[in-house]
Amino acid sequence: MPIDNVYVFYGLWSIAIVLIVVNVWLLVRLSRIKGFENLSHQVDNILRDLEDVKWRVESLESEEEKDFYYSKVVRYDAFQDAKGRQSGSMLVLNRKGTGFIITIINSRDRSATFLKEVVEFKPIQALSPEEQVLLNEARKT
């Protein structure tokens, strides 16, 4: 015995009416809950805060590329008469390989300090062998 389309139509309408009644009943119950009116405002505030946090994280990630993340110090004897590894070089770079090398050379009677710029792992000024070793090690990481 086939089911008539009219019965299917009336059945679906009956289910829709029952769902509407249940929905209205639930809305009435929810409206009685204290603070329900402010719920949408609270959700909007939370979503705005989430957008703010997302923006701050993105700005921090872009700033991270500029932060120094690699540094290394090497000490050595610059002159044969000066012992005790009193001279040294320090390399400081960001993630893009831009930074500087500070070198302090000490001897018995004088001292000199040099500051050399590095851009994308390439030195702007000529490097000493010790400074070149530092830069080569940084390239490998």
Protein backbone atom coordinates (compact mmCIF):
# COMPACT_ATOMS: atom_id res chain seq x y z
CA MET A 1 0.00 0.00 0.00
CA PRO A 2 1.73 3.24 -1.18
CA ILE A 3 1.91 6.26 1.06
CA ASP A 4 0.02 9.21 -0.29
CA ASN A 5 1.99 12.46 -0.73
CA VAL A 6 -0.67 14.33 1.24
CA TYR A 7 0.10 12.27 4.36
CA VAL A 8 3.82 12.95 3.98
CA PHE A 9 3.10 16.68 3.58
CA TYR A 10 0.89 16.78 6.71
CA GLY A 11 3.43 14.73 8.64
CA LEU A 12 6.28 17.11 7.82
CA TRP A 13 4.14 20.11 8.73
CA SER A 14 3.28 18.48 12.05
CA ILE A 15 6.96 17.91 12.83
CA ALA A 16 7.77 21.54 11.89
CA ILE A 17 5.01 22.87 14.19
CA VAL A 18 6.25 20.68 17.07
CA LEU A 19 9.81 21.97 16.54
CA ILE A 20 8.60 25.59 16.51
CA VAL A 21 6.69 25.05 19.77
CA VAL A 22 9.75 23.44 21.40
CA ASN A 23 11.95 26.30 20.15
CA VAL A 24 9.60 28.94 21.60
CA TRP A 25 9.43 27.03 24.88
CA LEU A 26 13.24 26.89 25.08
CA LEU A 27 13.52 30.63 24.33
CA VAL A 28 11.05 31.40 27.12
CA ARG A 29 13.03 29.21 29.53
CA LEU A 30 16.35 30.81 28.47
CA SER A 31 14.96 34.33 28.87
CA ARG A 32 14.18 33.56 32.51
CA ILE A 33 17.85 32.73 33.16
CA LYS A 34 19.55 35.68 34.83
CA GLY A 35 21.91 37.49 32.48
CA PHE A 36 20.70 35.81 29.29
CA GLU A 37 20.07 39.20 27.68
CA ASN A 38 23.75 40.09 28.09
CA LEU A 39 24.96 36.81 26.63
CA SER A 40 25.14 38.10 23.06
CA HIS A 41 27.04 41.19 24.25
CA GLN A 42 29.46 38.98 26.16
CA VAL A 43 30.01 36.78 23.12
CA ASP A 44 30.64 39.89 20.99
CA ASN A 45 33.17 41.17 23.54
CA ILE A 46 34.95 37.81 23.61
CA LEU A 47 35.12 37.74 19.79
CA ARG A 48 36.55 41.28 19.75
CA ASP A 49 39.12 40.28 22.37
CA LEU A 50 40.05 37.24 20.29
CA GLU A 51 40.59 39.44 17.23
CA ASP A 52 42.79 41.73 19.34
CA VAL A 53 44.85 38.77 20.58
CA LYS A 54 45.19 37.46 17.03
CA TRP A 55 46.42 40.87 15.83
CA ARG A 56 48.94 41.08 18.69
CA VAL A 57 50.29 37.59 17.99
CA GLU A 58 50.71 38.44 14.30
CA SER A 59 52.56 41.65 15.16
CA LEU A 60 54.82 39.76 17.57
CA GLU A 61 55.58 37.17 14.89
CA SER A 62 56.58 39.92 12.46
CA GLU A 63 58.76 41.56 15.13
CA GLU A 64 60.39 38.21 15.93
CA GLU A 65 62.31 38.36 12.66
CA LYS A 66 64.02 41.53 13.86
CA ASP A 67 64.96 40.20 17.30
CA PHE A 68 68.45 38.91 17.92
CA TYR A 69 68.38 35.15 18.17
CA TYR A 70 71.98 34.08 17.57
CA SER A 71 75.03 35.14 19.53
CA LYS A 72 78.42 33.60 20.06
CA VAL A 73 81.68 34.67 21.65
CA VAL A 74 85.16 33.45 20.79
CA ARG A 75 88.26 34.32 22.84
CA TYR A 76 91.79 34.09 21.50
CA ASP A 77 95.34 35.36 21.76
CA ALA A 78 95.64 38.12 19.16
CA PHE A 79 99.42 38.50 19.62
CA GLN A 80 102.12 35.97 20.36
CA ASP A 81 103.39 37.94 23.36
CA ALA A 82 99.89 38.29 24.90
CA LYS A 83 98.70 35.08 26.57
CA GLY A 84 95.54 34.24 28.46
CA ARG A 85 93.07 34.71 25.60
CA GLN A 86 92.50 38.38 26.48
CA SER A 87 91.14 39.28 23.03
CA GLY A 88 87.75 38.25 21.75
CA SER A 89 84.97 38.65 19.22
CA MET A 90 81.22 38.52 19.70
CA LEU A 91 78.71 37.97 16.89
CA VAL A 92 75.03 38.93 17.31
CA LEU A 93 72.50 38.25 14.51
CA ASN A 94 68.76 38.19 13.91
CA ARG A 95 66.95 35.44 11.99
CA LYS A 96 67.73 37.09 8.67
CA GLY A 97 71.46 37.15 9.39
CA THR A 98 71.70 40.88 10.04
CA GLY A 99 73.62 42.15 13.04
CA PHE A 100 77.12 43.02 14.15
CA ILE A 101 80.50 41.73 15.31
CA ILE A 102 82.33 43.42 18.17
CA THR A 103 86.03 42.62 18.45
CA ILE A 104 88.33 43.69 21.27
CA ILE A 105 92.05 43.24 20.71
CA ASN A 106 94.28 43.52 23.78
CA SER A 107 98.05 43.61 23.93
CA ARG A 108 100.42 44.51 26.76
CA ASP A 109 100.55 48.20 25.94
CA ARG A 110 97.29 48.98 24.13
CA SER A 111 93.80 47.88 23.28
CA ALA A 112 91.50 48.38 20.27
CA THR A 113 87.79 47.83 19.72
CA PHE A 114 86.17 47.20 16.33
CA LEU A 115 82.48 47.11 15.40
CA LYS A 116 81.61 45.50 12.06
CA GLU A 117 78.21 45.31 10.44
CA VAL A 118 76.75 42.12 8.95
CA VAL A 119 73.79 42.16 6.53
CA GLU A 120 72.18 38.85 5.53
CA PHE A 121 75.27 36.91 6.63
CA LYS A 122 77.55 39.14 4.52
CA PRO A 123 80.07 41.41 6.24
CA ILE A 124 80.21 45.06 5.23
CA GLN A 125 83.85 45.43 6.35
CA ALA A 126 86.68 42.92 5.96
CA LEU A 127 86.76 40.29 8.72
CA SER A 128 89.63 38.79 10.67
CA PRO A 129 90.00 34.99 10.52
CA GLU A 130 88.38 34.63 13.98
CA GLU A 131 85.44 36.81 12.95
CA GLN A 132 85.05 34.84 9.72
CA VAL A 133 84.89 31.58 11.70
CA LEU A 134 82.09 33.05 13.84
CA LEU A 135 80.12 34.12 10.78
CA ASN A 136 80.60 30.74 9.05
CA GLU A 137 79.32 28.93 12.15
CA ALA A 138 76.27 31.21 12.23
CA ARG A 139 75.47 30.44 8.59
CA LYS A 140 75.36 26.71 9.39
CA THR A 141 72.66 27.12 12.06
